[in-house]
C-alpha atoms as a PDB file:
ATOM      1  CA  MET A   1       0.000   0.000   0.000  1.00  0.00           C
ATOM      2  CA  LEU A   2       1.391   3.359  -1.078  1.00  0.00           C
ATOM      3  CA  VAL A   3       0.348   6.232   1.196  1.00  0.00           C
ATOM      4  CA  LEU A   4       0.162   9.725  -0.312  1.00  0.00           C
ATOM      5  CA  ASP A   5      -0.342  12.886   1.694  1.00  0.00           C
ATOM      6  CA  PRO A   6      -1.311  15.614  -0.809  1.00  0.00           C
ATOM      7  CA  ALA A   7      -0.678  18.325   1.785  1.00  0.00           C
ATOM      8  CA  THR A   8       3.059  17.558   1.907  1.00  0.00           C
ATOM      9  CA  ASP A   9       3.608  15.346  -1.189  1.00  0.00           C
ATOM     10  CA  ALA A  10       5.028  12.754   1.221  1.00  0.00           C
ATOM     11  CA  VAL A  11       4.967   9.145  -0.002  1.00  0.00           C
ATOM     12  CA  THR A  12       5.159   6.242   2.435  1.00  0.00           C
ATOM     13  CA  HIS A  13       5.420   2.555   1.554  1.00  0.00           C
ATOM     14  CA  SER A  14       3.272   0.437   3.825  1.00  0.00           C
ATOM     15  CA  THR A  15       0.932  -2.570   3.679  1.00  0.00           C
ATOM     16  CA  ILE A  16      -2.834  -2.958   3.665  1.00  0.00           C
ATOM     17  CA  ARG A  17      -2.535  -4.729   7.037  1.00  0.00           C
ATOM     18  CA  GLU A  18      -1.393  -1.419   8.513  1.00  0.00           C
ATOM     19  CA  LEU A  19      -4.368   0.565   7.211  1.00  0.00           C
ATOM     20  CA  PRO A  20      -5.931   0.865  10.705  1.00  0.00           C
ATOM     21  CA  ARG A  21      -2.843   2.767  11.860  1.00  0.00           C
ATOM     22  CA  TYR A  22      -3.531   5.427   9.235  1.00  0.00           C
ATOM     23  CA  LEU A  23      -7.072   5.880  10.546  1.00  0.00           C
ATOM     24  CA  ASP A  24      -8.146   7.825  13.623  1.00  0.00           C
ATOM     25  CA  SER A  25     -10.725   6.879  16.204  1.00  0.00           C
ATOM     26  CA  GLY A  26     -13.933   8.570  15.114  1.00  0.00           C
ATOM     27  CA  ASP A  27     -13.278   8.133  11.382  1.00  0.00           C
ATOM     28  CA  LEU A  28     -15.810   6.279   9.240  1.00  0.00           C
ATOM     29  CA  LEU A  29     -14.801   3.735   6.589  1.00  0.00           C
ATOM     30  CA  VAL A  30     -17.393   3.519   3.794  1.00  0.00           C
ATOM     31  CA  LEU A  31     -17.418   0.479   1.478  1.00  0.00           C
ATOM     32  CA  ASN A  32     -19.412  -0.617  -1.559  1.00  0.00           C
ATOM     33  CA  ASP A  33     -21.306  -3.837  -0.782  1.00  0.00           C
ATOM     34  CA  SER A  34     -22.305  -4.579  -4.387  1.00  0.00           C
ATOM     35  CA  ARG A  35     -21.941  -8.201  -5.454  1.00  0.00           C
ATOM     36  CA  VAL A  36     -20.815  -9.233  -8.946  1.00  0.00           C
ATOM     37  CA  LEU A  37     -23.377 -11.085 -11.023  1.00  0.00           C
ATOM     38  CA  PRO A  38     -21.746 -13.897 -13.099  1.00  0.00           C
ATOM     39  CA  ALA A  39     -23.203 -12.170 -16.117  1.00  0.00           C
ATOM     40  CA  ARG A  40     -20.768 -13.169 -18.870  1.00  0.00           C
ATOM     41  CA  LEU A  41     -22.756 -15.560 -21.049  1.00  0.00           C
ATOM     42  CA  LEU A  42     -20.826 -17.629 -23.611  1.00  0.00           C
ATOM     43  CA  GLY A  43     -23.014 -19.128 -26.328  1.00  0.00           C
ATOM     44  CA  ARG A  44     -23.535 -19.553 -30.048  1.00  0.00           C
ATOM     45  CA  ARG A  45     -25.353 -17.721 -32.811  1.00  0.00           C
ATOM     46  CA  ARG A  46     -27.856 -19.390 -35.085  1.00  0.00           C
ATOM     47  CA  ASP A  47     -25.097 -20.004 -37.658  1.00  0.00           C
ATOM     48  CA  GLY A  48     -23.070 -21.903 -35.032  1.00  0.00           C
ATOM     49  CA  GLY A  49     -20.483 -19.189 -34.451  1.00  0.00           C
ATOM     50  CA  GLU A  50     -19.370 -18.226 -30.954  1.00  0.00           C
ATOM     51  CA  ALA A  51     -20.995 -15.254 -29.243  1.00  0.00           C
ATOM     52  CA  GLU A  52     -20.677 -13.488 -25.916  1.00  0.00           C
ATOM     53  CA  VAL A  53     -23.239 -11.446 -24.020  1.00  0.00           C
ATOM     54  CA  LEU A  54     -22.177  -9.456 -20.960  1.00  0.00           C
ATOM     55  CA  LEU A  55     -25.210  -8.246 -19.028  1.00  0.00           C
ATOM     56  CA  LEU A  56     -24.683  -4.757 -17.619  1.00  0.00           C
ATOM     57  CA  ARG A  57     -27.958  -3.617 -16.059  1.00  0.00           C
ATOM     58  CA  PRO A  58     -31.664  -4.401 -16.233  1.00  0.00           C
ATOM     59  CA  LEU A  59     -33.789  -1.800 -17.985  1.00  0.00           C
ATOM     60  CA  GLU A  60     -36.688  -0.179 -16.143  1.00  0.00           C
ATOM     61  CA  GLY A  61     -36.580  -2.821 -13.437  1.00  0.00           C
ATOM     62  CA  ASP A  62     -37.411  -5.593 -15.951  1.00  0.00           C
ATOM     63  CA  ARG A  63     -35.265  -8.702 -15.347  1.00  0.00           C
ATOM     64  CA  HIS A  64     -35.928  -9.818 -18.925  1.00  0.00           C
ATOM     65  CA  ARG A  65     -34.604  -6.654 -20.665  1.00  0.00           C
ATOM     66  CA  TRP A  66     -30.963  -5.643 -20.209  1.00  0.00           C
ATOM     67  CA  GLU A  67     -28.291  -3.348 -21.510  1.00  0.00           C
ATOM     68  CA  ALA A  68     -25.417  -5.596 -22.558  1.00  0.00           C
ATOM     69  CA  LEU A  69     -22.084  -5.751 -24.322  1.00  0.00           C
ATOM     70  CA  ILE A  70     -22.208  -8.180 -27.242  1.00  0.00           C
ATOM     71  CA  ARG A  71     -19.448  -9.808 -29.281  1.00  0.00           C
ATOM     72  CA  PRO A  72     -19.001 -10.102 -32.199  1.00  0.00           C
ATOM     73  CA  ALA A  73     -21.317  -7.123 -32.565  1.00  0.00           C
ATOM     74  CA  ARG A  74     -21.112  -7.123 -36.368  1.00  0.00           C
ATOM     75  CA  ARG A  75     -22.646 -10.619 -36.419  1.00  0.00           C
ATOM     76  CA  LEU A  76     -25.418  -9.866 -33.938  1.00  0.00           C
ATOM     77  CA  ASP A  77     -27.959  -7.698 -35.723  1.00  0.00           C
ATOM     78  CA  PRO A  78     -31.351  -6.842 -34.202  1.00  0.00           C
ATOM     79  CA  GLY A  79     -33.522  -9.921 -34.346  1.00  0.00           C
ATOM     80  CA  SER A  80     -30.611 -12.345 -33.973  1.00  0.00           C
ATOM     81  CA  GLN A  81     -30.384 -14.753 -31.081  1.00  0.00           C
ATOM     82  CA  VAL A  82     -27.742 -16.358 -28.869  1.00  0.00           C
ATOM     83  CA  ARG A  83     -28.339 -19.749 -27.263  1.00  0.00           C
ATOM     84  CA  PHE A  84     -26.400 -21.707 -24.651  1.00  0.00           C
ATOM     85  CA  ASP A  85     -25.565 -25.400 -24.421  1.00  0.00           C
ATOM     86  CA  GLY A  86     -27.710 -27.267 -21.915  1.00  0.00           C
ATOM     87  CA  SER A  87     -29.855 -24.238 -21.142  1.00  0.00           C
ATOM     88  CA  PRO A  88     -33.363 -23.109 -22.142  1.00  0.00           C
ATOM     89  CA  LEU A  89     -32.179 -19.484 -21.984  1.00  0.00           C
ATOM     90  CA  ALA A  90     -32.068 -17.528 -25.249  1.00  0.00           C
ATOM     91  CA  VAL A  91     -30.835 -13.962 -25.629  1.00  0.00           C
ATOM     92  CA  SER A  92     -32.486 -11.931 -28.386  1.00  0.00           C
ATOM     93  CA  ILE A  93     -30.941  -8.719 -29.700  1.00  0.00           C
ATOM     94  CA  ASP A  94     -33.577  -5.976 -29.742  1.00  0.00           C
ATOM     95  CA  GLU A  95     -31.426  -2.933 -30.563  1.00  0.00           C
ATOM     96  CA  ARG A  96     -27.703  -2.490 -31.222  1.00  0.00           C
ATOM     97  CA  ARG A  97     -25.475   0.550 -30.640  1.00  0.00           C
ATOM     98  CA  GLY A  98     -21.912  -0.427 -31.556  1.00  0.00           C
ATOM     99  CA  GLU A  99     -20.834  -3.137 -29.083  1.00  0.00           C
ATOM    100  CA  THR A 100     -23.675  -2.216 -26.733  1.00  0.00           C
ATOM    101  CA  ALA A 101     -27.174  -3.578 -27.208  1.00  0.00           C
ATOM    102  CA  THR A 102     -30.592  -3.869 -25.649  1.00  0.00           C
ATOM    103  CA  VAL A 103     -31.280  -7.568 -25.246  1.00  0.00           C
ATOM    104  CA  ARG A 104     -34.174  -9.720 -24.048  1.00  0.00           C
ATOM    105  CA  LEU A 105     -33.734 -12.864 -21.958  1.00  0.00           C
ATOM    106  CA  ASN A 106     -36.275 -15.469 -23.083  1.00  0.00           C
ATOM    107  CA  GLY A 107     -37.143 -19.075 -22.328  1.00  0.00           C
ATOM    108  CA  VAL A 108     -37.114 -18.984 -18.515  1.00  0.00           C
ATOM    109  CA  GLY A 109     -39.399 -17.540 -15.869  1.00  0.00           C
ATOM    110  CA  ASP A 110     -36.653 -15.986 -13.735  1.00  0.00           C
ATOM    111  CA  PRO A 111     -33.634 -15.303 -15.966  1.00  0.00           C
ATOM    112  CA  LEU A 112     -31.326 -14.445 -13.070  1.00  0.00           C
ATOM    113  CA  VAL A 113     -31.583 -17.983 -11.705  1.00  0.00           C
ATOM    114  CA  GLU A 114     -30.361 -19.346 -15.051  1.00  0.00           C
ATOM    115  CA  VAL A 115     -27.728 -16.615 -15.444  1.00  0.00           C
ATOM    116  CA  ARG A 116     -26.242 -17.577 -12.086  1.00  0.00           C
ATOM    117  CA  ARG A 117     -26.149 -21.212 -13.203  1.00  0.00           C
ATOM    118  CA  ILE A 118     -24.482 -20.834 -16.605  1.00  0.00           C
ATOM    119  CA  GLY A 119     -22.748 -17.442 -16.382  1.00  0.00           C
ATOM    120  CA  VAL A 120     -19.091 -16.818 -15.611  1.00  0.00           C
ATOM    121  CA  MET A 121     -17.435 -13.930 -13.797  1.00  0.00           C
ATOM    122  CA  PRO A 122     -16.959 -10.859 -16.045  1.00  0.00           C
ATOM    123  CA  THR A 123     -13.319 -10.282 -15.152  1.00  0.00           C
ATOM    124  CA  PRO A 124     -11.417  -7.443 -16.884  1.00  0.00           C
ATOM    125  CA  PRO A 125     -10.074  -8.174 -20.399  1.00  0.00           C
ATOM    126  CA  TYR A 126      -6.445  -8.329 -19.205  1.00  0.00           C
ATOM    127  CA  ILE A 127      -7.324 -11.418 -17.136  1.00  0.00           C
ATOM    128  CA  LYS A 128      -7.247 -14.083 -19.854  1.00  0.00           C
ATOM    129  CA  GLU A 129      -8.174 -17.202 -17.881  1.00  0.00           C
ATOM    130  CA  ARG A 130     -11.305 -18.001 -15.939  1.00  0.00           C
ATOM    131  CA  LEU A 131     -10.946 -17.758 -12.188  1.00  0.00           C
ATOM    132  CA  ARG A 132     -10.673 -21.162 -10.544  1.00  0.00           C
ATOM    133  CA  GLU A 133     -12.327 -19.680  -7.478  1.00  0.00           C
ATOM    134  CA  PRO A 134     -15.002 -17.181  -8.638  1.00  0.00           C
ATOM    135  CA  GLU A 135     -15.471 -15.905  -5.067  1.00  0.00           C
ATOM    136  CA  ARG A 136     -12.005 -14.331  -5.334  1.00  0.00           C
ATOM    137  CA  TYR A 137     -13.701 -11.690  -7.464  1.00  0.00           C
ATOM    138  CA  GLN A 138     -16.160 -10.831  -4.677  1.00  0.00           C
ATOM    139  CA  THR A 139     -15.450  -8.710  -1.623  1.00  0.00           C
ATOM    140  CA  VAL A 140     -15.915 -10.431   1.728  1.00  0.00           C
ATOM    141  CA  PHE A 141     -18.766  -8.006   2.489  1.00  0.00           C
ATOM    142  CA  ALA A 142     -20.571  -8.273  -0.884  1.00  0.00           C
ATOM    143  CA  GLN A 143     -24.343  -8.438  -0.406  1.00  0.00           C
ATOM    144  CA  GLN A 144     -26.328  -6.654  -3.124  1.00  0.00           C
ATOM    145  CA  GLU A 145     -26.063  -8.492  -6.450  1.00  0.00           C
ATOM    146  CA  GLY A 146     -25.926  -6.441  -9.621  1.00  0.00           C
ATOM    147  CA  SER A 147     -22.377  -5.403 -10.622  1.00  0.00           C
ATOM    148  CA  ALA A 148     -20.689  -6.207 -13.929  1.00  0.00           C
ATOM    149  CA  ALA A 149     -17.298  -5.876 -12.221  1.00  0.00           C
ATOM    150  CA  ALA A 150     -16.020  -5.965  -8.669  1.00  0.00           C
ATOM    151  CA  PRO A 151     -15.427  -2.771  -6.657  1.00  0.00           C
ATOM    152  CA  THR A 152     -11.795  -3.837  -6.572  1.00  0.00           C
ATOM    153  CA  ALA A 153     -10.473  -1.648  -3.748  1.00  0.00           C
ATOM    154  CA  GLY A 154     -12.699  -3.707  -1.468  1.00  0.00           C
ATOM    155  CA  LEU A 155     -10.943  -6.934  -2.499  1.00  0.00           C
ATOM    156  CA  HIS A 156      -8.071  -6.055  -0.152  1.00  0.00           C
ATOM    157  CA  PHE A 157     -10.227  -6.515   2.931  1.00  0.00           C
ATOM    158  CA  THR A 158     -10.466  -9.645   5.054  1.00  0.00           C
ATOM    159  CA  PRO A 159     -12.691 -10.224   8.085  1.00  0.00           C
ATOM    160  CA  GLU A 160      -9.583  -9.813  10.237  1.00  0.00           C
ATOM    161  CA  LEU A 161      -8.756  -6.414   8.699  1.00  0.00           C
ATOM    162  CA  LEU A 162     -12.324  -5.197   9.160  1.00  0.00           C
ATOM    163  CA  ALA A 163     -12.161  -6.284  12.811  1.00  0.00           C
ATOM    164  CA  ALA A 164      -8.877  -4.391  13.235  1.00  0.00           C
ATOM    165  CA  VAL A 165     -10.515  -1.265  11.786  1.00  0.00           C
ATOM    166  CA  LEU A 166     -13.337  -1.530  14.307  1.00  0.00           C
ATOM    167  CA  ASN A 167     -10.867  -2.131  17.143  1.00  0.00           C
ATOM    168  CA  ARG A 168      -9.193   1.140  16.178  1.00  0.00           C
ATOM    169  CA  GLY A 169     -12.446   2.938  17.022  1.00  0.00           C
ATOM    170  CA  VAL A 170     -13.296   3.486  13.372  1.00  0.00           C
ATOM    171  CA  GLY A 171     -16.862   3.010  12.193  1.00  0.00           C
ATOM    172  CA  ILE A 172     -17.828   1.002   9.107  1.00  0.00           C
ATOM    173  CA  ALA A 173     -20.756   1.758   6.820  1.00  0.00           C
ATOM    174  CA  PHE A 174     -21.885   0.540   3.407  1.00  0.00           C
ATOM    175  CA  ILE A 175     -23.299   2.043   0.252  1.00  0.00           C
ATOM    176  CA  THR A 176     -24.273   0.167  -2.910  1.00  0.00           C
ATOM    177  CA  LEU A 177     -23.235   1.047  -6.438  1.00  0.00           C
ATOM    178  CA  HIS A 178     -23.599  -1.553  -9.174  1.00  0.00           C
ATOM    179  CA  VAL A 179     -20.464  -1.211 -11.287  1.00  0.00           C
ATOM    180  CA  GLY A 180     -21.249  -0.920 -14.988  1.00  0.00           C
ATOM    181  CA  ILE A 181     -19.837  -0.380 -18.435  1.00  0.00           C
ATOM    182  CA  ASP A 182     -17.373   2.430 -17.689  1.00  0.00           C
ATOM    183  CA  THR A 183     -15.074  -0.006 -15.893  1.00  0.00           C
ATOM    184  CA  PHE A 184     -14.342  -1.471 -19.338  1.00  0.00           C
ATOM    185  CA  ARG A 185     -14.186   1.757 -21.330  1.00  0.00           C
ATOM    186  CA  PRO A 186     -11.098   4.012 -21.646  1.00  0.00           C
ATOM    187  CA  VAL A 187     -11.360   7.735 -22.344  1.00  0.00           C
ATOM    188  CA  ARG A 188     -10.820   8.080 -26.107  1.00  0.00           C
ATOM    189  CA  VAL A 189     -11.574  11.789 -26.541  1.00  0.00           C
ATOM    190  CA  ASP A 190      -9.132  14.680 -26.147  1.00  0.00           C
ATOM    191  CA  ASP A 191     -11.591  16.615 -23.974  1.00  0.00           C
ATOM    192  CA  PRO A 192     -12.478  14.452 -20.923  1.00  0.00           C
ATOM    193  CA  THR A 193     -15.676  16.458 -20.389  1.00  0.00           C
ATOM    194  CA  GLN A 194     -16.958  14.863 -23.605  1.00  0.00           C
ATOM    195  CA  HIS A 195     -16.383  11.315 -22.357  1.00  0.00           C
ATOM    196  CA  ALA A 196     -19.746   9.591 -21.922  1.00  0.00           C
ATOM    197  CA  ILE A 197     -20.277   8.379 -18.361  1.00  0.00           C
ATOM    198  CA  HIS A 198     -22.918   5.664 -18.308  1.00  0.00           C
ATOM    199  CA  ARG A 199     -25.325   5.770 -15.421  1.00  0.00           C
ATOM    200  CA  GLU A 200     -24.917   3.329 -12.548  1.00  0.00           C
ATOM    201  CA  TRP A 201     -27.511   2.492  -9.905  1.00  0.00           C
ATOM    202  CA  PHE A 202     -26.725   3.363  -6.285  1.00  0.00           C
ATOM    203  CA  ARG A 203     -28.291   3.377  -2.831  1.00  0.00           C
ATOM    204  CA  VAL A 204     -27.463   5.143   0.440  1.00  0.00           C
ATOM    205  CA  ASP A 205     -29.592   3.815   3.291  1.00  0.00           C
ATOM    206  CA  ASP A 206     -30.715   5.722   6.367  1.00  0.00           C
ATOM    207  CA  GLY A 207     -28.128   4.138   8.659  1.00  0.00           C
ATOM    208  CA  THR A 208     -25.196   5.024   6.412  1.00  0.00           C
ATOM    209  CA  ALA A 209     -26.407   8.599   5.905  1.00  0.00           C
ATOM    210  CA  THR A 210     -26.798   9.036   9.665  1.00  0.00           C
ATOM    211  CA  ALA A 211     -23.304   7.636  10.313  1.00  0.00           C
ATOM    212  CA  ILE A 212     -21.692   9.904   7.710  1.00  0.00           C
ATOM    213  CA  ASN A 213     -23.428  13.038   8.963  1.00  0.00           C
ATOM    214  CA  ALA A 214     -22.563  12.228  12.587  1.00  0.00           C
ATOM    215  CA  THR A 215     -18.914  11.586  11.670  1.00  0.00           C
ATOM    216  CA  ARG A 216     -18.584  14.939   9.942  1.00  0.00           C
ATOM    217  CA  GLN A 217     -20.379  16.770  12.737  1.00  0.00           C
ATOM    218  CA  GLN A 218     -17.994  15.254  15.303  1.00  0.00           C
ATOM    219  CA  GLY A 219     -14.863  16.095  13.293  1.00  0.00           C
ATOM    220  CA  GLY A 220     -14.053  12.605  12.011  1.00  0.00           C
ATOM    221  CA  ARG A 221     -13.026  11.756   8.480  1.00  0.00           C
ATOM    222  CA  VAL A 222     -15.134   9.996   5.872  1.00  0.00           C
ATOM    223  CA  VAL A 223     -12.808   7.447   4.237  1.00  0.00           C
ATOM    224  CA  ALA A 224     -14.108   6.055   0.939  1.00  0.00           C
ATOM    225  CA  VAL A 225     -12.967   2.619  -0.193  1.00  0.00           C
ATOM    226  CA  GLY A 226     -12.836   2.703  -3.973  1.00  0.00           C
ATOM    227  CA  THR A 227     -13.787   5.167  -6.681  1.00  0.00           C
ATOM    228  CA  THR A 228     -17.303   3.685  -6.798  1.00  0.00           C
ATOM    229  CA  THR A 229     -17.865   4.740  -3.194  1.00  0.00           C
ATOM    230  CA  VAL A 230     -16.467   8.197  -3.955  1.00  0.00           C
ATOM    231  CA  ARG A 231     -18.948   8.620  -6.821  1.00  0.00           C
ATOM    232  CA  VAL A 232     -21.887   7.677  -4.624  1.00  0.00           C
ATOM    233  CA  LEU A 233     -20.904   9.973  -1.765  1.00  0.00           C
ATOM    234  CA  GLU A 234     -20.298  12.930  -4.043  1.00  0.00           C
ATOM    235  CA  THR A 235     -23.539  12.255  -5.961  1.00  0.00           C
ATOM    236  CA  ALA A 236     -25.674  12.072  -2.819  1.00  0.00           C
ATOM    237  CA  ALA A 237     -23.972  15.003  -1.066  1.00  0.00           C
ATOM    238  CA  ALA A 238     -26.249  17.833  -0.037  1.00  0.00           C
ATOM    239  CA  GLY A 239     -23.846  20.567   0.981  1.00  0.00           C
ATOM    240  CA  ASP A 240     -21.579  19.064   3.624  1.00  0.00           C
ATOM    241  CA  ARG A 241     -24.188  16.422   4.482  1.00  0.00           C
ATOM    242  CA  ILE A 242     -25.592  13.406   2.695  1.00  0.00           C
ATOM    243  CA  GLU A 243     -29.191  12.418   2.098  1.00  0.00           C
ATOM    244  CA  PRO A 244     -30.371   8.794   2.047  1.00  0.00           C
ATOM    245  CA  GLY A 245     -31.919   7.558  -1.161  1.00  0.00           C
ATOM    246  CA  GLU A 246     -31.356   5.625  -4.352  1.00  0.00           C
ATOM    247  CA  GLY A 247     -31.166   6.388  -8.044  1.00  0.00           C
ATOM    248  CA  TRP A 248     -28.789   6.594 -10.967  1.00  0.00           C
ATOM    249  CA  THR A 249     -25.514   8.475 -11.129  1.00  0.00           C
ATOM    250  CA  GLY A 250     -23.683   9.692 -14.184  1.00  0.00           C
ATOM    251  CA  LEU A 251     -21.385  11.941 -12.154  1.00  0.00           C
ATOM    252  CA  ARG A 252     -18.127  12.725 -13.943  1.00  0.00           C
ATOM    253  CA  ILE A 253     -15.378  13.687 -11.466  1.00  0.00           C
ATOM    254  CA  LEU A 254     -12.496  15.541 -13.122  1.00  0.00           C
ATOM    255  CA  PRO A 255      -9.758  17.858 -11.811  1.00  0.00           C
ATOM    256  CA  GLY A 256     -11.460  20.965 -10.500  1.00  0.00           C
ATOM    257  CA  HIS A 257     -14.223  19.040  -8.737  1.00  0.00           C
ATOM    258  CA  ARG A 258     -14.849  20.274  -5.186  1.00  0.00           C
ATOM    259  CA  PHE A 259     -15.161  17.263  -2.922  1.00  0.00           C
ATOM    260  CA  ARG A 260     -17.871  17.735  -0.322  1.00  0.00           C
ATOM    261  CA  LEU A 261     -17.866  14.525   1.704  1.00  0.00           C
ATOM    262  CA  VAL A 262     -14.729  12.461   1.036  1.00  0.00           C
ATOM    263  CA  ASP A 263     -11.750  13.203   3.284  1.00  0.00           C
ATOM    264  CA  ALA A 264      -9.584  10.207   2.361  1.00  0.00           C
ATOM    265  CA  MET A 265      -9.753   7.274  -0.028  1.00  0.00           C
ATOM    266  CA  LEU A 266      -8.301   3.847  -0.602  1.00  0.00           C
ATOM    267  CA  THR A 267      -8.022   2.962  -4.285  1.00  0.00           C
ATOM    268  CA  ASN A 268      -6.183   0.633  -6.632  1.00  0.00           C
ATOM    269  CA  PHE A 269      -3.783   1.784  -9.337  1.00  0.00           C
ATOM    270  CA  HIS A 270      -5.726   2.501 -12.511  1.00  0.00           C
ATOM    271  CA  LEU A 271      -5.203   2.303 -16.246  1.00  0.00           C
ATOM    272  CA  PRO A 272      -3.932   5.369 -18.115  1.00  0.00           C
ATOM    273  CA  LYS A 273      -6.610   7.393 -19.901  1.00  0.00           C
ATOM    274  CA  SER A 274      -9.319   6.137 -17.569  1.00  0.00           C
ATOM    275  CA  SER A 275     -12.045   8.103 -15.833  1.00  0.00           C
ATOM    276  CA  LEU A 276     -10.955   6.412 -12.580  1.00  0.00           C
ATOM    277  CA  LEU A 277      -7.442   7.866 -12.786  1.00  0.00           C
ATOM    278  CA  MET A 278      -8.968  11.267 -13.516  1.00  0.00           C
ATOM    279  CA  LEU A 279     -11.117  10.974 -10.386  1.00  0.00           C
ATOM    280  CA  VAL A 280      -8.062  10.197  -8.244  1.00  0.00           C
ATOM    281  CA  SER A 281      -6.222  13.118  -9.854  1.00  0.00           C
ATOM    282  CA  ALA A 282      -9.140  15.391  -9.017  1.00  0.00           C
ATOM    283  CA  PHE A 283      -8.845  14.353  -5.371  1.00  0.00           C
ATOM    284  CA  ALA A 284      -5.070  14.586  -4.904  1.00  0.00           C
ATOM    285  CA  GLY A 285      -3.831  16.691  -7.831  1.00  0.00           C
ATOM    286  CA  ARG A 286      -2.701  15.423 -11.225  1.00  0.00           C
ATOM    287  CA  GLU A 287       1.020  16.030 -10.799  1.00  0.00           C
ATOM    288  CA  ARG A 288       1.080  14.501  -7.314  1.00  0.00           C
ATOM    289  CA  VAL A 289      -0.739  11.407  -8.518  1.00  0.00           C
ATOM    290  CA  LEU A 290       1.493  10.963 -11.556  1.00  0.00           C
ATOM    291  CA  ALA A 291       4.575  11.325  -9.340  1.00  0.00           C
ATOM    292  CA  ALA A 292       3.147   8.731  -6.944  1.00  0.00           C
ATOM    293  CA  TYR A 293       2.435   6.390  -9.862  1.00  0.00           C
ATOM    294  CA  ALA A 294       6.030   6.804 -11.062  1.00  0.00           C
ATOM    295  CA  GLU A 295       7.220   5.883  -7.561  1.00  0.00           C
ATOM    296  CA  ALA A 296       4.920   2.871  -7.555  1.00  0.00           C
ATOM    297  CA  ILE A 297       6.345   1.705 -10.879  1.00  0.00           C
ATOM    298  CA  ARG A 298       9.907   2.079  -9.598  1.00  0.00           C
ATOM    299  CA  GLU A 299       8.999   0.068  -6.503  1.00  0.00           C
ATOM    300  CA  ARG A 300       7.254  -2.575  -8.646  1.00  0.00           C
ATOM    301  CA  TYR A 301       3.778  -2.199  -7.263  1.00  0.00           C
ATOM    302  CA  ARG A 302       1.146  -4.311  -8.975  1.00  0.00           C
ATOM    303  CA  PHE A 303      -1.533  -2.467 -10.921  1.00  0.00           C
ATOM    304  CA  TYR A 304      -5.203  -3.170 -11.805  1.00  0.00           C
ATOM    305  CA  SER A 305      -7.891  -5.371 -10.219  1.00  0.00           C
ATOM    306  CA  PHE A 306      -5.782  -7.777  -8.174  1.00  0.00           C
ATOM    307  CA  GLY A 307      -2.956  -5.327  -7.654  1.00  0.00           C
ATOM    308  CA  ASP A 308      -1.734  -3.177  -4.791  1.00  0.00           C
ATOM    309  CA  CYS A 309      -3.487  -0.109  -3.446  1.00  0.00           C
ATOM    310  CA  MET A 310      -3.004   3.543  -2.586  1.00  0.00           C
ATOM    311  CA  PHE A 311      -4.265   5.431   0.465  1.00  0.00           C
ATOM    312  CA  ILE A 312      -4.714   9.153  -0.047  1.00  0.00           C
ATOM    313  CA  SER A 313      -5.376  11.332   2.971  1.00  0.00           C
ATOM    314  CA  ARG A 314      -5.708  15.049   3.401  1.00  0.00           C
ATOM    315  CA  ARG A 315      -3.958  14.763   6.774  1.00  0.00           C
ATOM    316  CA  THR A 316      -0.307  14.105   7.450  1.00  0.00           C
ATOM    317  CA  PRO A 317       0.197  10.470   8.577  1.00  0.00           C
ATOM    318  CA  SER A 318       1.542   9.970  12.072  1.00  0.00           C
ATOM    319  CA  PRO A 319       5.380  10.132  12.124  1.00  0.00           C
ATOM    320  CA  THR A 320       5.437   7.015  14.302  1.00  0.00           C
ATOM    321  CA  LEU A 321       4.199   4.845  11.439  1.00  0.00           C
ATOM    322  CA  PRO A 322       6.883   2.474  10.130  1.00  0.00           C
ATOM    323  CA  THR A 323       8.179   2.646   6.581  1.00  0.00           C
ATOM    324  CA  ARG A 324       8.281  -0.738   4.848  1.00  0.00           C
ATOM    325  CA  GLY A 325      10.179  -2.041   1.887  1.00  0.00           C
ATOM    326  CA  ARG A 326       8.668  -3.664  -1.208  1.00  0.00           C
ATOM    327  CA  GLU A 327       9.177  -7.153   0.213  1.00  0.00           C
ATOM    328  CA  ASP A 328       6.617  -6.506   2.975  1.00  0.00           C
ATOM    329  CA  ARG A 329       3.749  -5.336   0.762  1.00  0.00           C
ATOM    330  CA  VAL A 330       0.745  -7.536   0.006  1.00  0.00           C
END
């Protein structure tokens, strides 16, 4: 775990096991409890060719109609169908927009039951092999099924680490954001404000809103785990407070954004030209983040979903914290 203090530009090399020592009693750790749906469906077209459908989100609350990524898109025109060996499920293409489509799940009463049975985990494209243990792509606190990708900063946590956070006097609260298509989509335009941010469904319940507002009122920090949590908190912010509720967020966070609720964040190292890296740069400053990334590369940190992480705080870490070498990081 690389620790960056934007106030001083100080960089400390630590481990995720030591995260509680970077938190203060009275802080609140906020995590995304979304659970990944095994929504990558591998089947065949009517002509026998291979096809893939990645379900992204149900449309208008209808479990039979979904937004999806389809491949090969050029062979899946509206009206075409994808079927799956040993399954009554059939996916019909209603409307196509490039590699994205509106699809209908036919042949079963409750399509999610069949999707869970035949689907595989929609891991990022740089992971070439199927996971032998699909639960590795779920956080230990995942509850609300609906994501097309894991909120990967949460993958660092174990029950023991969560217990250590609580023993530090730090509160824990959960929001839900179902991770969608933007996890797979780089920024391909010169002007980031023109990058299309697809909407993602989120919820902040009454208990979490109360905990966040009490933490801020009492002078504690709100520590967001992952960029998905940051997006929810900044979407639901009402001044320096947060309101409970649910809905869809298309919030684009770029340098210049004024953060209203997030005081610190834990995040993985992200791909270049991604909206996630831009969000982190908005929080800590572009030059600081790029310098920290350069340090991480020199120290051979691991990037992406199963990689190492970065803790960014607006307070100077305690000088009593130990500095670790690369060999101690996990």
